[in-house]
PDB file of all heavy atoms in Angstrom:
ATOM      1  N   SER A   1     -17.461 191.733  79.344  1.00  0.00           N
ATOM      2  CA  SER A   1     -17.207 192.227  80.698  1.00  0.00           C
ATOM      3  C   SER A   1     -18.101 191.547  81.739  1.00  0.00           C
ATOM      4  O   SER A   1     -17.665 191.258  82.859  1.00  0.00           O
ATOM      5  CB  SER A   1     -17.407 193.744  80.755  1.00  0.00           C
ATOM      6  OG  SER A   1     -18.725 194.089  80.345  1.00  0.00           O
ATOM      7  N   GLY A   2     -19.367 191.309  81.378  1.00  0.00           N
ATOM      8  CA  GLY A   2     -20.278 190.663  82.316  1.00  0.00           C
ATOM      9  C   GLY A   2     -19.829 189.262  82.665  1.00  0.00           C
ATOM     10  O   GLY A   2     -19.898 188.837  83.830  1.00  0.00           O
ATOM     11  N   LEU A   3     -19.350 188.533  81.669  1.00  0.00           N
ATOM     12  CA  LEU A   3     -18.866 187.174  81.902  1.00  0.00           C
ATOM     13  C   LEU A   3     -17.588 187.203  82.732  1.00  0.00           C
ATOM     14  O   LEU A   3     -17.380 186.348  83.596  1.00  0.00           O
ATOM     15  CB  LEU A   3     -18.607 186.473  80.568  1.00  0.00           C
ATOM     16  CG  LEU A   3     -18.103 185.028  80.648  1.00  0.00           C
ATOM     17  CD1 LEU A   3     -19.076 184.156  81.429  1.00  0.00           C
ATOM     18  CD2 LEU A   3     -17.881 184.468  79.240  1.00  0.00           C
ATOM     19  N   ALA A   4     -16.736 188.213  82.475  1.00  0.00           N
ATOM     20  CA  ALA A   4     -15.496 188.340  83.246  1.00  0.00           C
ATOM     21  C   ALA A   4     -15.799 188.541  84.730  1.00  0.00           C
ATOM     22  O   ALA A   4     -15.119 187.986  85.602  1.00  0.00           O
ATOM     23  CB  ALA A   4     -14.663 189.500  82.709  1.00  0.00           C
ATOM     24  N   LEU A   5     -16.831 189.343  85.016  1.00  0.00           N
ATOM     25  CA  LEU A   5     -17.225 189.564  86.408  1.00  0.00           C
ATOM     26  C   LEU A   5     -17.757 188.273  87.029  1.00  0.00           C
ATOM     27  O   LEU A   5     -17.451 187.958  88.189  1.00  0.00           O
ATOM     28  CB  LEU A   5     -18.294 190.659  86.473  1.00  0.00           C
ATOM     29  CG  LEU A   5     -18.820 191.010  87.868  1.00  0.00           C
ATOM     30  CD1 LEU A   5     -17.702 191.522  88.758  1.00  0.00           C
ATOM     31  CD2 LEU A   5     -19.939 192.051  87.771  1.00  0.00           C
ATOM     32  N   ALA A   6     -18.537 187.522  86.258  1.00  0.00           N
ATOM     33  CA  ALA A   6     -19.064 186.249  86.747  1.00  0.00           C
ATOM     34  C   ALA A   6     -17.929 185.263  87.013  1.00  0.00           C
ATOM     35  O   ALA A   6     -17.971 184.504  87.987  1.00  0.00           O
ATOM     36  CB  ALA A   6     -20.045 185.665  85.729  1.00  0.00           C
ATOM     37  N   VAL A   7     -16.905 185.281  86.158  1.00  0.00           N
ATOM     38  CA  VAL A   7     -15.749 184.401  86.348  1.00  0.00           C
ATOM     39  C   VAL A   7     -15.018 184.766  87.640  1.00  0.00           C
ATOM     40  O   VAL A   7     -14.603 183.884  88.402  1.00  0.00           O
ATOM     41  CB  VAL A   7     -14.793 184.490  85.140  1.00  0.00           C
ATOM     42  CG1 VAL A   7     -13.474 183.787  85.450  1.00  0.00           C
ATOM     43  CG2 VAL A   7     -15.433 183.865  83.911  1.00  0.00           C
ATOM     44  N   SER A   8     -14.871 186.059  87.901  1.00  0.00           N
ATOM     45  CA  SER A   8     -14.215 186.500  89.136  1.00  0.00           C
ATOM     46  C   SER A   8     -14.990 186.027  90.358  1.00  0.00           C
ATOM     47  O   SER A   8     -14.402 185.544  91.332  1.00  0.00           O
ATOM     48  CB  SER A   8     -14.097 188.034  89.151  1.00  0.00           C
ATOM     49  OG  SER A   8     -13.218 188.488  88.134  1.00  0.00           O
ATOM     50  N   ALA A   9     -16.303 186.152  90.306  1.00  0.00           N
ATOM     51  CA  ALA A   9     -17.140 185.674  91.415  1.00  0.00           C
ATOM     52  C   ALA A   9     -17.011 184.159  91.563  1.00  0.00           C
ATOM     53  O   ALA A   9     -16.953 183.631  92.685  1.00  0.00           O
ATOM     54  CB  ALA A   9     -18.596 186.060  91.177  1.00  0.00           C
ATOM     55  N   GLY A  10     -16.945 183.464  90.425  1.00  0.00           N
ATOM     56  CA  GLY A  10     -16.776 182.018  90.460  1.00  0.00           C
ATOM     57  C   GLY A  10     -15.449 181.616  91.080  1.00  0.00           C
ATOM     58  O   GLY A  10     -15.382 180.642  91.839  1.00  0.00           O
ATOM     59  N   PHE A  11     -14.404 182.372  90.783  1.00  0.00           N
ATOM     60  CA  PHE A  11     -13.087 182.068  91.340  1.00  0.00           C
ATOM     61  C   PHE A  11     -13.046 182.329  92.849  1.00  0.00           C
ATOM     62  O   PHE A  11     -12.295 181.671  93.570  1.00  0.00           O
ATOM     63  CB  PHE A  11     -11.992 182.878  90.636  1.00  0.00           C
ATOM     64  CG  PHE A  11     -11.338 182.131  89.510  1.00  0.00           C
ATOM     65  CD1 PHE A  11     -11.555 182.514  88.190  1.00  0.00           C
ATOM     66  CD2 PHE A  11     -10.511 181.047  89.761  1.00  0.00           C
ATOM     67  CE1 PHE A  11     -10.963 181.821  87.148  1.00  0.00           C
ATOM     68  CE2 PHE A  11      -9.905 180.352  88.732  1.00  0.00           C
ATOM     69  CZ  PHE A  11     -10.134 180.740  87.407  1.00  0.00           C
ATOM     70  N   VAL A  12     -13.821 183.290  93.316  1.00  0.00           N
ATOM     71  CA  VAL A  12     -13.898 183.532  94.761  1.00  0.00           C
ATOM     72  C   VAL A  12     -14.473 182.300  95.456  1.00  0.00           C
ATOM     73  O   VAL A  12     -13.925 181.827  96.466  1.00  0.00           O
ATOM     74  CB  VAL A  12     -14.761 184.773  95.066  1.00  0.00           C
ATOM     75  CG1 VAL A  12     -15.069 184.862  96.565  1.00  0.00           C
ATOM     76  CG2 VAL A  12     -14.060 186.043  94.606  1.00  0.00           C
ATOM     77  N   LEU A  13     -15.571 181.770  94.917  1.00  0.00           N
ATOM     78  CA  LEU A  13     -16.181 180.565  95.492  1.00  0.00           C
ATOM     79  C   LEU A  13     -15.261 179.359  95.344  1.00  0.00           C
ATOM     80  O   LEU A  13     -15.102 178.563  96.276  1.00  0.00           O
ATOM     81  CB  LEU A  13     -17.529 180.289  94.810  1.00  0.00           C
ATOM     82  CG  LEU A  13     -18.623 181.346  95.019  1.00  0.00           C
ATOM     83  CD1 LEU A  13     -19.860 180.987  94.193  1.00  0.00           C
ATOM     84  CD2 LEU A  13     -18.985 181.460  96.486  1.00  0.00           C
ATOM     85  N   PHE A  14     -14.653 179.229  94.165  1.00  0.00           N
ATOM     86  CA  PHE A  14     -13.767 178.098  93.898  1.00  0.00           C
ATOM     87  C   PHE A  14     -12.557 178.122  94.830  1.00  0.00           C
ATOM     88  O   PHE A  14     -12.187 177.088  95.412  1.00  0.00           O
ATOM     89  CB  PHE A  14     -13.306 178.145  92.441  1.00  0.00           C
ATOM     90  CG  PHE A  14     -12.336 177.055  92.070  1.00  0.00           C
ATOM     91  CD1 PHE A  14     -12.782 175.783  91.782  1.00  0.00           C
ATOM     92  CD2 PHE A  14     -10.977 177.316  92.020  1.00  0.00           C
ATOM     93  CE1 PHE A  14     -11.895 174.766  91.438  1.00  0.00           C
ATOM     94  CE2 PHE A  14     -10.073 176.315  91.684  1.00  0.00           C
ATOM     95  CZ  PHE A  14     -10.534 175.033  91.385  1.00  0.00           C
ATOM     96  N   SER A  15     -11.939 179.283  94.985  1.00  0.00           N
ATOM     97  CA  SER A  15     -10.764 179.406  95.842  1.00  0.00           C
ATOM     98  C   SER A  15     -11.113 179.138  97.300  1.00  0.00           C
ATOM     99  O   SER A  15     -10.333 178.527  98.031  1.00  0.00           O
ATOM    100  CB  SER A  15     -10.156 180.807  95.697  1.00  0.00           C
ATOM    101  OG  SER A  15      -9.741 181.046  94.363  1.00  0.00           O
ATOM    102  N   SER A  16     -12.274 179.589  97.723  1.00  0.00           N
ATOM    103  CA  SER A  16     -12.718 179.334  99.098  1.00  0.00           C
ATOM    104  C   SER A  16     -12.900 177.845  99.335  1.00  0.00           C
ATOM    105  O   SER A  16     -12.487 177.301 100.369  1.00  0.00           O
ATOM    106  CB  SER A  16     -14.033 180.077  99.374  1.00  0.00           C
ATOM    107  OG  SER A  16     -13.861 181.476  99.234  1.00  0.00           O
ATOM    108  N   ALA A  17     -13.507 177.170  98.370  1.00  0.00           N
ATOM    109  CA  ALA A  17     -13.690 175.727  98.478  1.00  0.00           C
ATOM    110  C   ALA A  17     -12.348 175.005  98.471  1.00  0.00           C
ATOM    111  O   ALA A  17     -12.154 174.010  99.176  1.00  0.00           O
ATOM    112  CB  ALA A  17     -14.570 175.217  97.332  1.00  0.00           C
ATOM    113  N   MET A  18     -11.397 175.517  97.686  1.00  0.00           N
ATOM    114  CA  MET A  18     -10.065 174.912  97.620  1.00  0.00           C
ATOM    115  C   MET A  18      -9.345 175.019  98.961  1.00  0.00           C
ATOM    116  O   MET A  18      -8.628 174.096  99.367  1.00  0.00           O
ATOM    117  CB  MET A  18      -9.230 175.579  96.534  1.00  0.00           C
ATOM    118  CG  MET A  18      -9.459 175.014  95.138  1.00  0.00           C
ATOM    119  SD  MET A  18      -8.972 173.276  94.978  1.00  0.00           S
ATOM    120  CE  MET A  18      -7.211 173.371  95.302  1.00  0.00           C
ATOM    121  N   ILE A  19      -9.515 176.139  99.650  1.00  0.00           N
ATOM    122  CA  ILE A  19      -8.880 176.309 100.965  1.00  0.00           C
ATOM    123  C   ILE A  19      -9.429 175.272 101.945  1.00  0.00           C
ATOM    124  O   ILE A  19      -8.677 174.641 102.696  1.00  0.00           O
ATOM    125  CB  ILE A  19      -9.116 177.736 101.492  1.00  0.00           C
ATOM    126  CG1 ILE A  19      -8.343 178.751 100.635  1.00  0.00           C
ATOM    127  CG2 ILE A  19      -8.683 177.851 102.961  1.00  0.00           C
ATOM    128  CD1 ILE A  19      -8.671 180.197 100.936  1.00  0.00           C
ATOM    129  N   LEU A  20     -10.750 175.087 101.923  1.00  0.00           N
ATOM    130  CA  LEU A  20     -11.359 174.061 102.772  1.00  0.00           C
ATOM    131  C   LEU A  20     -10.824 172.677 102.416  1.00  0.00           C
ATOM    132  O   LEU A  20     -10.445 171.892 103.296  1.00  0.00           O
ATOM    133  CB  LEU A  20     -12.880 174.083 102.603  1.00  0.00           C
ATOM    134  CG  LEU A  20     -13.639 175.297 103.150  1.00  0.00           C
ATOM    135  CD1 LEU A  20     -15.101 175.234 102.719  1.00  0.00           C
ATOM    136  CD2 LEU A  20     -13.530 175.376 104.666  1.00  0.00           C
ATOM    137  N   PHE A  21     -10.788 172.381 101.136  1.00  0.00           N
ATOM    138  CA  PHE A  21     -10.370 171.063 100.669  1.00  0.00           C
ATOM    139  C   PHE A  21      -8.899 170.800 100.989  1.00  0.00           C
ATOM    140  O   PHE A  21      -8.553 169.737 101.524  1.00  0.00           O
ATOM    141  CB  PHE A  21     -10.612 170.949  99.161  1.00  0.00           C
ATOM    142  CG  PHE A  21     -10.132 169.661  98.564  1.00  0.00           C
ATOM    143  CD1 PHE A  21     -10.866 168.500  98.715  1.00  0.00           C
ATOM    144  CD2 PHE A  21      -8.947 169.605  97.841  1.00  0.00           C
ATOM    145  CE1 PHE A  21     -10.427 167.295  98.167  1.00  0.00           C
ATOM    146  CE2 PHE A  21      -8.499 168.416  97.293  1.00  0.00           C
ATOM    147  CZ  PHE A  21      -9.245 167.256  97.448  1.00  0.00           C
ATOM    148  N   GLU A  22      -8.025 171.744 100.655  1.00  0.00           N
ATOM    149  CA  GLU A  22      -6.583 171.553 100.853  1.00  0.00           C
ATOM    150  C   GLU A  22      -6.240 171.399 102.336  1.00  0.00           C
ATOM    151  O   GLU A  22      -5.443 170.535 102.712  1.00  0.00           O
ATOM    152  CB  GLU A  22      -5.807 172.731 100.262  1.00  0.00           C
ATOM    153  CG  GLU A  22      -5.830 172.816  98.745  1.00  0.00           C
ATOM    154  CD  GLU A  22      -4.957 171.766  98.089  1.00  0.00           C
ATOM    155  OE1 GLU A  22      -4.160 171.124  98.805  1.00  0.00           O
ATOM    156  OE2 GLU A  22      -5.071 171.576  96.871  1.00  0.00           O
ATOM    157  N   THR A  23      -6.822 172.252 103.168  1.00  0.00           N
ATOM    158  CA  THR A  23      -6.552 172.165 104.610  1.00  0.00           C
ATOM    159  C   THR A  23      -7.061 170.843 105.172  1.00  0.00           C
ATOM    160  O   THR A  23      -6.396 170.203 105.994  1.00  0.00           O
ATOM    161  CB  THR A  23      -7.214 173.341 105.351  1.00  0.00           C
ATOM    162  OG1 THR A  23      -6.817 174.578 104.744  1.00  0.00           O
ATOM    163  CG2 THR A  23      -6.791 173.361 106.810  1.00  0.00           C
ATOM    164  N   SER A  24      -8.242 170.425 104.713  1.00  0.00           N
ATOM    165  CA  SER A  24      -8.795 169.147 105.143  1.00  0.00           C
ATOM    166  C   SER A  24      -7.901 167.989 104.711  1.00  0.00           C
ATOM    167  O   SER A  24      -7.687 167.040 105.471  1.00  0.00           O
ATOM    168  CB  SER A  24     -10.204 168.965 104.557  1.00  0.00           C
ATOM    169  OG  SER A  24     -10.710 167.684 104.825  1.00  0.00           O
ATOM    170  N   GLN A  25      -7.367 168.057 103.506  1.00  0.00           N
ATOM    171  CA  GLN A  25      -6.479 167.011 103.013  1.00  0.00           C
ATOM    172  C   GLN A  25      -5.235 166.872 103.890  1.00  0.00           C
ATOM    173  O   GLN A  25      -4.754 165.770 104.138  1.00  0.00           O
ATOM    174  CB  GLN A  25      -6.052 167.320 101.576  1.00  0.00           C
ATOM    175  CG  GLN A  25      -7.131 167.083 100.543  1.00  0.00           C
ATOM    176  CD  GLN A  25      -7.436 165.611 100.350  1.00  0.00           C
ATOM    177  OE1 GLN A  25      -8.357 165.057 100.962  1.00  0.00           O
ATOM    178  NE2 GLN A  25      -6.677 164.943  99.508  1.00  0.00           N
ATOM    179  N   ILE A  26      -4.735 167.994 104.358  1.00  0.00           N
ATOM    180  CA  ILE A  26      -3.535 167.964 105.193  1.00  0.00           C
ATOM    181  C   ILE A  26      -3.817 167.290 106.534  1.00  0.00           C
ATOM    182  O   ILE A  26      -3.109 166.379 106.947  1.00  0.00           O
ATOM    183  CB  ILE A  26      -3.000 169.396 105.426  1.00  0.00           C
ATOM    184  CG1 ILE A  26      -2.533 170.018 104.101  1.00  0.00           C
ATOM    185  CG2 ILE A  26      -1.840 169.378 106.426  1.00  0.00           C
ATOM    186  CD1 ILE A  26      -2.188 171.491 104.213  1.00  0.00           C
ATOM    187  N   ILE A  27      -4.862 167.741 107.220  1.00  0.00           N
ATOM    188  CA  ILE A  27      -5.084 167.234 108.578  1.00  0.00           C
ATOM    189  C   ILE A  27      -5.665 165.822 108.597  1.00  0.00           C
ATOM    190  O   ILE A  27      -5.579 165.134 109.610  1.00  0.00           O
ATOM    191  CB  ILE A  27      -5.991 168.186 109.397  1.00  0.00           C
ATOM    192  CG1 ILE A  27      -7.410 168.219 108.844  1.00  0.00           C
ATOM    193  CG2 ILE A  27      -5.401 169.578 109.454  1.00  0.00           C
ATOM    194  CD1 ILE A  27      -8.370 168.997 109.722  1.00  0.00           C
ATOM    195  N   HIS A  28      -6.237 165.380 107.462  1.00  0.00           N
ATOM    196  CA  HIS A  28      -6.783 164.023 107.413  1.00  0.00           C
ATOM    197  C   HIS A  28      -5.866 163.053 106.676  1.00  0.00           C
ATOM    198  O   HIS A  28      -6.258 161.916 106.401  1.00  0.00           O
ATOM    199  CB  HIS A  28      -8.167 164.029 106.757  1.00  0.00           C
ATOM    200  CG  HIS A  28      -9.229 164.654 107.607  1.00  0.00           C
ATOM    201  ND1 HIS A  28      -9.752 164.041 108.730  1.00  0.00           N
ATOM    202  CD2 HIS A  28      -9.852 165.859 107.530  1.00  0.00           C
ATOM    203  CE1 HIS A  28     -10.651 164.823 109.288  1.00  0.00           C
ATOM    204  NE2 HIS A  28     -10.733 165.936 108.584  1.00  0.00           N
ATOM    205  N   GLY A  29      -4.654 163.503 106.356  1.00  0.00           N
ATOM    206  CA  GLY A  29      -3.669 162.593 105.780  1.00  0.00           C
ATOM    207  C   GLY A  29      -3.734 162.419 104.286  1.00  0.00           C
ATOM    208  O   GLY A  29      -3.001 161.599 103.733  1.00  0.00           O
ATOM    209  N   GLY A  30      -4.602 163.168 103.603  1.00  0.00           N
ATOM    210  CA  GLY A  30      -4.682 163.041 102.154  1.00  0.00           C
ATOM    211  C   GLY A  30      -3.524 163.698 101.435  1.00  0.00           C
ATOM    212  O   GLY A  30      -3.242 163.385 100.275  1.00  0.00           O
ATOM    213  N   GLU A  31      -2.844 164.621 102.103  1.00  0.00           N
ATOM    214  CA  GLU A  31      -1.680 165.305 101.533  1.00  0.00           C
ATOM    215  C   GLU A  31      -0.537 165.238 102.532  1.00  0.00           C
ATOM    216  O   GLU A  31      -0.619 165.789 103.618  1.00  0.00           O
ATOM    217  CB  GLU A  31      -2.015 166.766 101.193  1.00  0.00           C
ATOM    218  CG  GLU A  31      -0.870 167.538 100.580  1.00  0.00           C
ATOM    219  CD  GLU A  31      -0.377 166.910  99.285  1.00  0.00           C
ATOM    220  OE1 GLU A  31      -1.012 167.141  98.250  1.00  0.00           O
ATOM    221  OE2 GLU A  31       0.637 166.175  99.344  1.00  0.00           O
ATOM    222  N   ARG A  32       0.527 164.544 102.153  1.00  0.00           N
ATOM    223  CA  ARG A  32       1.670 164.384 103.037  1.00  0.00           C
ATOM    224  C   ARG A  32       2.898 165.158 102.559  1.00  0.00           C
ATOM    225  O   ARG A  32       3.946 165.117 103.183  1.00  0.00           O
ATOM    226  CB  ARG A  32       2.029 162.892 103.176  1.00  0.00           C
ATOM    227  CG  ARG A  32       1.122 162.140 104.141  1.00  0.00           C
ATOM    228  CD  ARG A  32       1.438 162.563 105.567  1.00  0.00           C
ATOM    229  NE  ARG A  32       0.568 161.909 106.551  1.00  0.00           N
ATOM    230  CZ  ARG A  32      -0.435 162.502 107.136  1.00  0.00           C
ATOM    231  NH1 ARG A  32      -0.735 163.760 106.829  1.00  0.00           N
ATOM    232  NH2 ARG A  32      -1.150 161.872 108.039  1.00  0.00           N
ATOM    233  N   ASN A  33       2.774 165.845 101.431  1.00  0.00           N
ATOM    234  CA  ASN A  33       3.892 166.612 100.892  1.00  0.00           C
ATOM    235  C   ASN A  33       3.627 168.096 101.114  1.00  0.00           C
ATOM    236  O   ASN A  33       2.710 168.666 100.517  1.00  0.00           O
ATOM    237  CB  ASN A  33       4.070 166.316  99.400  1.00  0.00           C
ATOM    238  CG  ASN A  33       5.334 166.929  98.827  1.00  0.00           C
ATOM    239  OD1 ASN A  33       5.455 168.139  98.742  1.00  0.00           O
ATOM    240  ND2 ASN A  33       6.278 166.082  98.448  1.00  0.00           N
ATOM    241  N   TYR A  34       4.415 168.727 101.980  1.00  0.00           N
ATOM    242  CA  TYR A  34       4.125 170.122 102.327  1.00  0.00           C
ATOM    243  C   TYR A  34       4.410 171.094 101.193  1.00  0.00           C
ATOM    244  O   TYR A  34       3.863 172.201 101.159  1.00  0.00           O
ATOM    245  CB  TYR A  34       4.884 170.523 103.594  1.00  0.00           C
ATOM    246  CG  TYR A  34       6.367 170.694 103.454  1.00  0.00           C
ATOM    247  CD1 TYR A  34       6.918 171.951 103.232  1.00  0.00           C
ATOM    248  CD2 TYR A  34       7.238 169.606 103.547  1.00  0.00           C
ATOM    249  CE1 TYR A  34       8.290 172.126 103.115  1.00  0.00           C
ATOM    250  CE2 TYR A  34       8.595 169.763 103.430  1.00  0.00           C
ATOM    251  CZ  TYR A  34       9.119 171.026 103.208  1.00  0.00           C
ATOM    252  OH  TYR A  34      10.478 171.189 103.076  1.00  0.00           O
ATOM    253  N   ILE A  35       5.248 170.686 100.240  1.00  0.00           N
ATOM    254  CA  ILE A  35       5.512 171.560  99.087  1.00  0.00           C
ATOM    255  C   ILE A  35       4.268 171.642  98.207  1.00  0.00           C
ATOM    256  O   ILE A  35       3.857 172.735  97.786  1.00  0.00           O
ATOM    257  CB  ILE A  35       6.727 171.047  98.286  1.00  0.00           C
ATOM    258  CG1 ILE A  35       8.006 171.198  99.115  1.00  0.00           C
ATOM    259  CG2 ILE A  35       6.854 171.806  96.962  1.00  0.00           C
ATOM    260  CD1 ILE A  35       9.256 170.676  98.439  1.00  0.00           C
ATOM    261  N   LEU A  36       3.650 170.495  97.936  1.00  0.00           N
ATOM    262  CA  LEU A  36       2.420 170.494  97.145  1.00  0.00           C
ATOM    263  C   LEU A  36       1.268 171.147  97.904  1.00  0.00           C
ATOM    264  O   LEU A  36       0.423 171.823  97.301  1.00  0.00           O
ATOM    265  CB  LEU A  36       2.039 169.066  96.758  1.00  0.00           C
ATOM    266  CG  LEU A  36       2.956 168.355  95.758  1.00  0.00           C
ATOM    267  CD1 LEU A  36       2.392 166.998  95.388  1.00  0.00           C
ATOM    268  CD2 LEU A  36       3.171 169.206  94.509  1.00  0.00           C
ATOM    269  N   ALA A  37       1.239 170.951  99.227  1.00  0.00           N
ATOM    270  CA  ALA A  37       0.200 171.594 100.037  1.00  0.00           C
ATOM    271  C   ALA A  37       0.341 173.112  99.970  1.00  0.00           C
ATOM    272  O   ALA A  37      -0.650 173.845  99.856  1.00  0.00           O
ATOM    273  CB  ALA A  37       0.294 171.119 101.481  1.00  0.00           C
ATOM    274  N   THR A  38       1.574 173.585 100.017  1.00  0.00           N
ATOM    275  CA  THR A  38       1.835 175.020  99.905  1.00  0.00           C
ATOM    276  C   THR A  38       1.407 175.542  98.544  1.00  0.00           C
ATOM    277  O   THR A  38       0.800 176.614  98.436  1.00  0.00           O
ATOM    278  CB  THR A  38       3.328 175.311 100.123  1.00  0.00           C
ATOM    279  OG1 THR A  38       3.715 174.883 101.425  1.00  0.00           O
ATOM    280  CG2 THR A  38       3.617 176.802  99.984  1.00  0.00           C
TER     281      THR A  38
END
């Protein structure tokens, strides 16, 4: 259970970083396919 909680916390940080990365990829031209961006 303790590890499961740590994994959940890790996914919060990971998902937050992914939002920054994905949005940045779109506006800087790294992602041109809106289906994959979605």
